[in-house]
Amino acid sequence: MDRSAAFERELRGAAPHALLDVVTAELTERYGAEKVELRMADYAMRSLQAVGDQPGSGEPVAVHGTPQGRAFGAQEPALTRDGGHVDVHLPVTIRGDRLGVLSVRLPEDHNSQELVPELEYVCQALGHEILVAERDTDLYVLARRAARLTLAAEMQWQLLPGRSCERTEFALGAHLEPAYAIFGDSYDWSVSADHLTLAIANGMGEGIEAALLSNLAINALRNARRAGLGLADQATLADQAVYSHYQGRAHVSVLLLRFDCRTGEVEAVDAGSPRMWRLRDRAVEAVPFDHQLPLGMFEDSVYTTQSFTVRPGDRLLFGSDGVYDAASPGGEPYGDRALARSLLGTTLLPPAQVPHAVLRELAGYHGESPLDDDALVICLDWYGRPGTGDAPGAAVAPGS
């Protein structure tokens, strides 16, 4: 058994809370590492929190303006030299979901640059094991929080599939704000061999009631999707589940989309308030849909799908009403003009960074008072499937 295979086997066999110990021992023995540190990105994506035995152990490091933050933001290794040693900071990312950063301190006489590919391999193995270990320990979840979550926020974060995802055909990123006190916005995605299904939800109310409502709706949509139902039937089943429980007293606004990775054809069901904008050839436009009833508003609602096409190079932005309805001090909603300017201003950023950048812009636009609703942003870049002849062509408007 070669050294790498032996390391992976030891990592897989380690106790969930001891993964960093195994990595530290391996890097110390193999490369003479003087210090190994793992940091996880916090829920607000503003700081990198040290993984330790106690919550809050170690000082947080800012995502912006630090070597660790550069490695996390650029998703590339960052090297710094100081006092006879070299610090190598490497992103820990699994299938596009950015978890955090591994920092390794090496003696200066080592050729650190040549070791980077081997250290990246270690990060990849560590990331996979963290995702598995989180079923059995709170260690890595605790490292993600810079402040205590409200119970509603705890419920919402546990519901989410991740904060970013990448495949050959697309890349997407999502962010919720405020991160530590959430009112009811949520999202979900699932990827199969040929399809991406995306749901953006906005449950009415606030606090625990909004979190319970969103959990019911998202899990009803998952149940229908996993039963093999089409998009319209997924909406119908979720509508029935919400109505059955609340009898019309509460409802959930949802935008459902199903992307065909082979062709770029998209089915959509617009059942409420989440909206979509498209950036194509440096032009931003709001994409209209035929509005249908939110889930759970009335008994036996019927839903229908619309279709449109995405082209390679398209960037789609999805926002909740907490984004496009947020007003400037002068009273102009953010979605009228400022959102388009923000989308154009973030064209060089990868999708995983766009939602947070848009929400920073929104905070400045809104002024000093805090947002009075959740703000949810999802960014999707469409690349298309290589070798399928999927090339830019005429767009098909929704409903055509």
Protein backbone atom coordinates (compact mmCIF):
# COMPACT_ATOMS: atom_id res chain seq x y z
CA MET A 1 0.00 0.00 0.00
CA ASP A 2 1.50 3.37 -1.02
CA ARG A 3 1.80 6.29 1.38
CA SER A 4 -1.23 8.19 0.06
CA ALA A 5 -3.51 5.16 0.24
CA ALA A 6 -2.35 4.44 3.77
CA PHE A 7 -3.07 8.04 4.77
CA GLU A 8 -6.57 7.93 3.31
CA ARG A 9 -7.26 4.66 5.10
CA GLU A 10 -6.10 6.11 8.42
CA LEU A 11 -8.19 9.24 7.87
CA ARG A 12 -11.30 7.20 7.09
CA GLY A 13 -10.76 5.12 10.21
CA ALA A 14 -10.19 8.09 12.53
CA ALA A 15 -12.73 9.23 15.09
CA PRO A 16 -14.87 12.08 13.67
CA HIS A 17 -13.34 14.65 16.02
CA ALA A 18 -9.74 13.48 15.34
CA LEU A 19 -9.41 14.17 11.60
CA LEU A 20 -7.15 17.18 12.11
CA ASP A 21 -4.92 15.13 14.44
CA VAL A 22 -4.40 12.54 11.70
CA VAL A 23 -3.63 15.24 9.12
CA THR A 24 -1.22 16.99 11.49
CA ALA A 25 0.64 13.77 12.26
CA GLU A 26 0.93 12.92 8.56
CA LEU A 27 2.19 16.36 7.51
CA THR A 28 4.62 16.53 10.42
CA GLU A 29 6.11 13.13 9.63
CA ARG A 30 6.20 13.53 5.85
CA TYR A 31 7.16 17.20 5.45
CA GLY A 32 8.33 18.36 8.87
CA ALA A 33 5.31 20.62 9.31
CA GLU A 34 5.72 22.89 12.32
CA LYS A 35 2.05 23.85 12.64
CA VAL A 36 -1.22 22.72 11.03
CA GLU A 37 -4.45 24.66 11.42
CA LEU A 38 -7.93 24.11 10.00
CA ARG A 39 -10.42 26.97 9.74
CA MET A 40 -14.05 26.80 8.64
CA ALA A 41 -15.93 29.65 6.97
CA ASP A 42 -18.61 31.09 9.22
CA TYR A 43 -22.24 31.29 8.17
CA ALA A 44 -21.97 34.96 7.23
CA MET A 45 -18.86 34.23 5.07
CA ARG A 46 -16.99 37.03 6.83
CA SER A 47 -14.50 35.09 8.95
CA LEU A 48 -12.60 31.82 9.12
CA GLN A 49 -13.05 30.13 12.49
CA ALA A 50 -10.44 27.78 13.96
CA VAL A 51 -11.44 24.15 14.53
CA GLY A 52 -10.61 23.31 18.14
CA ASP A 53 -11.68 21.35 21.18
CA GLN A 54 -13.80 24.21 22.50
CA PRO A 55 -16.24 26.46 20.59
CA GLY A 56 -14.59 29.76 19.72
CA SER A 57 -11.06 28.42 20.29
CA GLY A 58 -8.50 30.59 18.54
CA GLU A 59 -8.93 34.05 17.11
CA PRO A 60 -11.00 34.29 13.93
CA VAL A 61 -9.34 35.39 10.69
CA ALA A 62 -11.13 37.74 8.31
CA VAL A 63 -12.09 36.46 4.88
CA HIS A 64 -11.01 39.77 3.37
CA GLY A 65 -7.45 41.06 3.58
CA THR A 66 -5.67 38.00 4.99
CA PRO A 67 -3.58 35.22 3.36
CA GLN A 68 -6.10 32.63 4.54
CA GLY A 69 -8.91 34.73 3.13
CA ARG A 70 -7.14 35.04 -0.22
CA ALA A 71 -6.80 31.27 -0.44
CA PHE A 72 -10.48 30.87 0.42
CA GLY A 73 -11.74 33.59 -1.93
CA ALA A 74 -9.54 32.79 -4.93
CA GLN A 75 -9.72 29.04 -4.31
CA GLU A 76 -5.98 28.86 -4.87
CA PRO A 77 -3.05 28.20 -2.52
CA ALA A 78 -1.49 31.28 -0.90
CA LEU A 79 2.11 31.23 0.40
CA THR A 80 3.64 33.65 2.90
CA ARG A 81 7.20 33.70 4.26
CA ASP A 82 8.09 34.92 7.72
CA GLY A 83 10.80 34.24 10.29
CA GLY A 84 12.46 31.20 8.76
CA HIS A 85 9.30 29.36 7.75
CA VAL A 86 6.69 29.28 5.01
CA ASP A 87 2.95 29.24 5.65
CA VAL A 88 0.93 27.49 2.94
CA HIS A 89 -2.81 28.23 3.02
CA LEU A 90 -4.98 25.89 0.94
CA PRO A 91 -8.75 25.91 0.29
CA VAL A 92 -10.76 22.94 1.54
CA THR A 93 -13.51 22.56 -1.04
CA ILE A 94 -15.64 19.59 -2.06
CA ARG A 95 -17.56 19.62 -5.36
CA GLY A 96 -17.57 23.38 -5.34
CA ASP A 97 -18.78 23.71 -1.72
CA ARG A 98 -16.19 25.90 0.01
CA LEU A 99 -15.70 24.62 3.55
CA GLY A 100 -12.63 26.47 4.78
CA VAL A 101 -8.84 26.65 4.70
CA LEU A 102 -6.01 24.38 5.84
CA SER A 103 -2.83 26.24 6.86
CA VAL A 104 0.49 24.37 7.02
CA ARG A 105 3.71 25.89 8.38
CA LEU A 106 6.85 24.40 6.79
CA PRO A 107 10.56 25.00 7.31
CA GLU A 108 11.89 27.61 4.88
CA ASP A 109 14.39 25.18 3.36
CA HIS A 110 11.54 23.08 1.94
CA ASN A 111 10.47 23.68 -1.64
CA SER A 112 6.96 24.59 -0.59
CA GLN A 113 5.73 25.29 -4.12
CA GLU A 114 6.55 21.75 -5.24
CA LEU A 115 4.65 20.35 -2.26
CA VAL A 116 1.45 22.22 -3.09
CA PRO A 117 -0.12 19.45 -5.26
CA GLU A 118 0.45 16.91 -2.48
CA LEU A 119 -1.01 19.26 0.12
CA GLU A 120 -4.04 19.88 -2.13
CA TYR A 121 -4.57 16.12 -2.23
CA VAL A 122 -4.56 16.09 1.59
CA CYS A 123 -7.14 18.91 1.63
CA GLN A 124 -9.41 17.02 -0.74
CA ALA A 125 -9.28 13.87 1.40
CA LEU A 126 -9.85 15.92 4.55
CA GLY A 127 -12.84 17.72 3.05
CA HIS A 128 -14.58 14.48 2.12
CA GLU A 129 -14.08 13.10 5.62
CA ILE A 130 -15.38 16.29 7.25
CA LEU A 131 -18.67 15.93 5.36
CA VAL A 132 -18.97 12.34 6.61
CA ALA A 133 -17.85 13.20 10.16
CA GLU A 134 -20.47 15.92 10.54
CA ARG A 135 -23.09 13.20 10.94
CA ASP A 136 -21.49 12.21 14.23
CA THR A 137 -19.88 15.31 15.74
CA ASP A 138 -20.68 19.01 16.19
CA LEU A 139 -17.00 20.00 16.05
CA TYR A 140 -16.98 21.34 12.49
CA VAL A 141 -20.47 22.85 12.71
CA LEU A 142 -19.49 24.75 15.86
CA ALA A 143 -16.42 26.13 14.08
CA ARG A 144 -18.69 27.67 11.45
CA ARG A 145 -20.47 30.03 13.83
CA ALA A 146 -19.04 33.36 14.89
CA ALA A 147 -22.12 34.00 17.03
CA ARG A 148 -24.94 31.96 18.48
CA LEU A 149 -27.67 31.02 16.01
CA THR A 150 -31.31 31.56 16.79
CA LEU A 151 -33.25 28.30 16.88
CA ALA A 152 -35.01 29.28 13.64
CA ALA A 153 -31.66 29.86 11.94
CA GLU A 154 -30.36 26.52 13.24
CA MET A 155 -33.35 24.80 11.64
CA GLN A 156 -32.89 26.63 8.36
CA TRP A 157 -29.14 26.01 8.03
CA GLN A 158 -29.59 22.30 8.71
CA LEU A 159 -32.14 22.21 5.89
CA LEU A 160 -29.82 23.63 3.21
CA PRO A 161 -27.86 21.39 0.81
CA GLY A 162 -24.74 23.58 0.93
CA ARG A 163 -23.61 27.04 -0.12
CA SER A 164 -22.15 26.25 -3.53
CA CYS A 165 -21.99 23.44 -6.07
CA GLU A 166 -20.02 22.89 -9.28
CA ARG A 167 -20.30 20.54 -12.20
CA THR A 168 -19.04 20.56 -15.75
CA GLU A 169 -22.30 22.11 -16.98
CA PHE A 170 -22.78 24.78 -14.29
CA ALA A 171 -21.61 26.40 -11.08
CA LEU A 172 -23.84 27.96 -8.44
CA GLY A 173 -23.54 29.73 -5.12
CA ALA A 174 -26.07 30.85 -2.52
CA HIS A 175 -26.16 33.04 0.58
CA LEU A 176 -28.70 34.00 3.24
CA GLU A 177 -28.59 37.24 5.20
CA PRO A 178 -28.90 37.83 8.10
CA ALA A 179 -27.02 34.59 8.63
CA TYR A 180 -27.61 34.16 12.36
CA ALA A 181 -31.32 35.10 12.61
CA ILE A 182 -33.40 33.83 9.69
CA PHE A 183 -37.11 34.45 9.04
CA GLY A 184 -38.08 31.81 6.49
CA ASP A 185 -36.17 32.05 3.20
CA SER A 186 -34.64 28.79 2.04
CA TYR A 187 -33.38 26.96 -1.02
CA ASP A 188 -32.67 23.45 -2.21
CA TRP A 189 -30.97 21.78 -5.14
CA SER A 190 -30.38 18.30 -6.44
CA VAL A 191 -28.21 17.09 -9.32
CA SER A 192 -28.67 13.89 -11.31
CA ALA A 193 -26.83 12.62 -14.38
CA ASP A 194 -28.73 14.95 -16.72
CA HIS A 195 -30.68 17.43 -14.59
CA LEU A 196 -30.32 20.16 -11.99
CA THR A 197 -33.44 20.86 -9.91
CA LEU A 198 -33.43 24.14 -8.02
CA ALA A 199 -35.98 25.51 -5.53
CA ILE A 200 -36.01 29.00 -4.00
CA ALA A 201 -38.55 29.35 -1.19
CA ASN A 202 -39.90 32.16 0.95
CA GLY A 203 -42.11 31.09 3.86
CA MET A 204 -44.40 33.67 5.41
CA GLY A 205 -43.98 34.78 9.01
CA GLU A 206 -40.86 34.85 11.14
CA GLY A 207 -38.95 32.87 13.74
CA ILE A 208 -39.83 29.28 14.58
CA GLU A 209 -43.15 29.36 12.70
CA ALA A 210 -41.45 30.46 9.47
CA ALA A 211 -38.72 27.83 9.90
CA LEU A 212 -41.29 25.06 10.48
CA LEU A 213 -43.25 26.18 7.42
CA SER A 214 -40.16 26.23 5.19
CA ASN A 215 -39.03 22.84 6.49
CA LEU A 216 -42.42 21.33 5.65
CA ALA A 217 -42.44 22.81 2.14
CA ILE A 218 -38.84 21.89 1.24
CA ASN A 219 -39.19 18.34 2.53
CA ALA A 220 -42.49 17.92 0.68
CA LEU A 221 -40.77 19.05 -2.52
CA ARG A 222 -37.92 16.60 -1.88
CA ASN A 223 -40.37 13.78 -1.22
CA ALA A 224 -42.16 14.45 -4.51
CA ARG A 225 -38.91 14.81 -6.45
CA ARG A 226 -37.54 11.56 -5.03
CA ALA A 227 -40.77 9.82 -5.98
CA GLY A 228 -39.97 10.66 -9.61
CA LEU A 229 -42.74 13.22 -10.10
CA GLY A 230 -42.51 16.00 -12.66
CA LEU A 231 -42.01 19.62 -11.67
CA ALA A 232 -45.70 20.61 -11.72
CA ASP A 233 -46.62 17.56 -9.65
CA GLN A 234 -43.86 18.36 -7.17
CA ALA A 235 -45.47 21.76 -6.64
CA THR A 236 -48.91 20.16 -6.33
CA LEU A 237 -47.82 17.64 -3.72
CA ALA A 238 -46.02 20.31 -1.67
CA ASP A 239 -49.07 22.57 -1.96
CA GLN A 240 -51.27 19.79 -0.60
CA ALA A 241 -48.87 19.11 2.27
CA VAL A 242 -48.79 22.76 3.36
CA TYR A 243 -52.54 23.24 2.98
CA SER A 244 -53.30 20.02 4.83
CA HIS A 245 -51.35 21.24 7.85
CA TYR A 246 -52.19 24.95 7.86
CA GLN A 247 -55.61 25.00 6.13
CA GLY A 248 -54.71 28.19 4.25
CA ARG A 249 -53.47 30.11 7.32
CA ALA A 250 -49.88 30.07 6.01
CA HIS A 251 -48.28 29.73 2.60
CA VAL A 252 -44.86 29.42 0.96
CA SER A 253 -43.74 31.25 -2.17
CA VAL A 254 -41.56 29.04 -4.37
CA LEU A 255 -39.75 29.26 -7.68
CA LEU A 256 -39.02 25.77 -9.02
CA LEU A 257 -36.69 25.11 -11.94
CA ARG A 258 -35.43 21.97 -13.65
CA PHE A 259 -32.44 22.37 -15.98
CA ASP A 260 -31.60 19.80 -18.65
CA CYS A 261 -27.80 19.57 -18.58
CA ARG A 262 -27.73 18.15 -22.11
CA THR A 263 -29.70 20.87 -23.89
CA GLY A 264 -30.05 23.89 -21.59
CA GLU A 265 -33.84 23.58 -21.67
CA VAL A 266 -35.44 24.69 -18.41
CA GLU A 267 -38.86 23.94 -16.93
CA ALA A 268 -40.14 26.45 -14.37
CA VAL A 269 -43.03 26.76 -11.92
CA ASP A 270 -43.46 30.22 -10.41
CA ALA A 271 -45.57 29.88 -7.27
CA GLY A 272 -44.91 33.15 -5.52
CA SER A 273 -42.38 35.87 -4.91
CA PRO A 274 -38.78 34.71 -5.69
CA ARG A 275 -37.58 36.29 -8.95
CA MET A 276 -34.90 35.70 -11.58
CA TRP A 277 -32.60 38.00 -13.56
CA ARG A 278 -30.42 37.00 -16.50
CA LEU A 279 -27.06 38.47 -17.49
CA ARG A 280 -26.34 37.74 -21.14
CA ASP A 281 -23.86 39.58 -23.36
CA ARG A 282 -23.45 42.36 -20.75
CA ALA A 283 -27.20 42.99 -20.67
CA VAL A 284 -29.26 42.37 -17.54
CA GLU A 285 -32.97 41.68 -17.75
CA ALA A 286 -35.61 40.48 -15.31
CA VAL A 287 -37.08 37.22 -16.58
CA PRO A 288 -40.88 37.24 -16.15
CA PHE A 289 -42.98 34.16 -15.43
CA ASP A 290 -46.70 33.57 -15.19
CA HIS A 291 -47.40 33.92 -11.47
CA GLN A 292 -49.26 31.03 -9.87
CA LEU A 293 -50.59 30.63 -6.33
CA PRO A 294 -48.11 30.17 -3.46
CA LEU A 295 -48.02 26.70 -1.93
CA GLY A 296 -50.71 26.05 0.68
CA MET A 297 -52.90 29.07 0.00
CA PHE A 298 -55.93 27.14 -1.31
CA GLU A 299 -56.98 23.53 -1.52
CA ASP A 300 -56.43 21.64 -4.80
CA SER A 301 -54.37 24.31 -6.59
CA VAL A 302 -53.20 23.26 -10.04
CA TYR A 303 -49.72 24.14 -11.28
CA THR A 304 -48.33 24.25 -14.81
CA THR A 305 -44.79 24.56 -16.13
CA GLN A 306 -43.25 27.09 -18.46
CA SER A 307 -40.07 26.63 -20.45
CA PHE A 308 -37.09 28.69 -21.54
CA THR A 309 -33.51 28.04 -22.61
CA VAL A 310 -30.19 28.94 -21.04
CA ARG A 311 -27.10 29.38 -23.20
CA PRO A 312 -23.43 28.82 -22.35
CA GLY A 313 -22.18 32.04 -20.80
CA ASP A 314 -25.51 32.97 -19.19
CA ARG A 315 -25.48 34.08 -15.56
CA LEU A 316 -28.76 33.78 -13.65
CA LEU A 317 -29.45 35.55 -10.38
CA PHE A 318 -32.32 34.60 -8.08
CA GLY A 319 -33.50 36.81 -5.24
CA SER A 320 -36.14 36.80 -2.54
CA ASP A 321 -38.40 39.77 -1.85
CA GLY A 322 -36.04 40.76 0.94
CA VAL A 323 -33.57 41.62 -1.84
CA TYR A 324 -35.54 43.27 -4.61
CA ASP A 325 -38.01 45.03 -2.30
CA ALA A 326 -35.37 46.46 0.06
CA ALA A 327 -35.60 50.23 -0.35
CA SER A 328 -32.98 52.97 -0.41
CA PRO A 329 -33.35 55.89 2.02
CA GLY A 330 -35.11 57.64 -0.86
CA GLY A 331 -37.64 54.80 -1.19
CA GLU A 332 -36.48 53.18 -4.48
CA PRO A 333 -36.58 49.35 -4.35
CA TYR A 334 -33.21 47.66 -4.91
CA GLY A 335 -34.62 45.50 -7.69
CA ASP A 336 -35.61 48.43 -9.91
CA ARG A 337 -32.11 49.45 -11.07
CA ALA A 338 -29.44 48.86 -8.43
CA LEU A 339 -29.59 45.06 -8.66
CA ALA A 340 -28.76 45.15 -12.37
CA ARG A 341 -25.79 47.44 -11.68
CA SER A 342 -24.60 45.09 -8.96
CA LEU A 343 -24.87 42.07 -11.23
CA LEU A 344 -22.85 43.81 -13.93
CA GLY A 345 -20.28 44.87 -11.34
CA THR A 346 -19.66 41.28 -10.23
CA THR A 347 -19.12 39.67 -13.63
CA LEU A 348 -15.50 38.77 -12.81
CA LEU A 349 -16.42 36.98 -9.59
CA PRO A 350 -17.17 33.25 -9.53
CA PRO A 351 -20.79 32.32 -8.68
CA ALA A 352 -19.88 31.28 -5.13
CA GLN A 353 -18.80 34.86 -4.36
CA VAL A 354 -21.54 36.76 -6.19
CA PRO A 355 -24.38 36.35 -3.63
CA HIS A 356 -22.30 37.74 -0.78
CA ALA A 357 -21.05 40.61 -2.96
CA VAL A 358 -24.61 41.49 -3.97
CA LEU A 359 -25.77 41.40 -0.36
CA ARG A 360 -22.91 43.69 0.70
CA GLU A 361 -24.01 46.09 -2.01
CA LEU A 362 -27.61 45.76 -0.81
CA ALA A 363 -26.61 46.62 2.76
CA GLY A 364 -24.96 49.83 1.57
CA TYR A 365 -27.94 50.67 -0.64
CA HIS A 366 -30.44 50.10 2.15
CA GLY A 367 -28.67 52.43 4.57
CA GLU A 368 -27.91 52.21 8.27
CA SER A 369 -31.09 50.47 9.41
CA PRO A 370 -30.94 46.65 9.35
CA LEU A 371 -32.93 44.66 6.81
CA ASP A 372 -36.39 43.79 8.11
CA ASP A 373 -36.61 40.54 6.13
CA ASP A 374 -34.42 37.67 4.97
CA ALA A 375 -32.33 38.41 1.91
CA LEU A 376 -31.56 35.33 -0.19
CA VAL A 377 -29.42 35.43 -3.34
CA ILE A 378 -28.46 32.52 -5.60
CA CYS A 379 -26.14 32.87 -8.61
CA LEU A 380 -25.96 30.24 -11.37
CA ASP A 381 -23.44 30.26 -14.23
CA TRP A 382 -24.37 28.02 -17.14
CA TYR A 383 -21.53 26.45 -19.16
CA GLY A 384 -23.37 23.73 -21.07
CA ARG A 385 -22.27 20.16 -21.64
CA PRO A 386 -19.14 19.74 -23.80
CA GLY A 387 -19.58 17.67 -26.89
CA THR A 388 -23.37 18.08 -27.17
CA GLY A 389 -23.37 20.89 -29.69
CA ASP A 390 -24.75 23.20 -26.99
CA ALA A 391 -23.70 26.57 -28.39
CA PRO A 392 -25.13 30.05 -28.01
CA GLY A 393 -28.28 30.50 -30.04
CA ALA A 394 -31.57 32.30 -29.95
CA ALA A 395 -33.12 32.50 -26.51
CA VAL A 396 -36.59 31.13 -25.92
CA ALA A 397 -38.67 33.41 -23.72
CA PRO A 398 -40.50 31.92 -20.72
CA GLY A 399 -43.87 30.54 -21.68
CA SER A 400 -42.95 29.99 -25.33
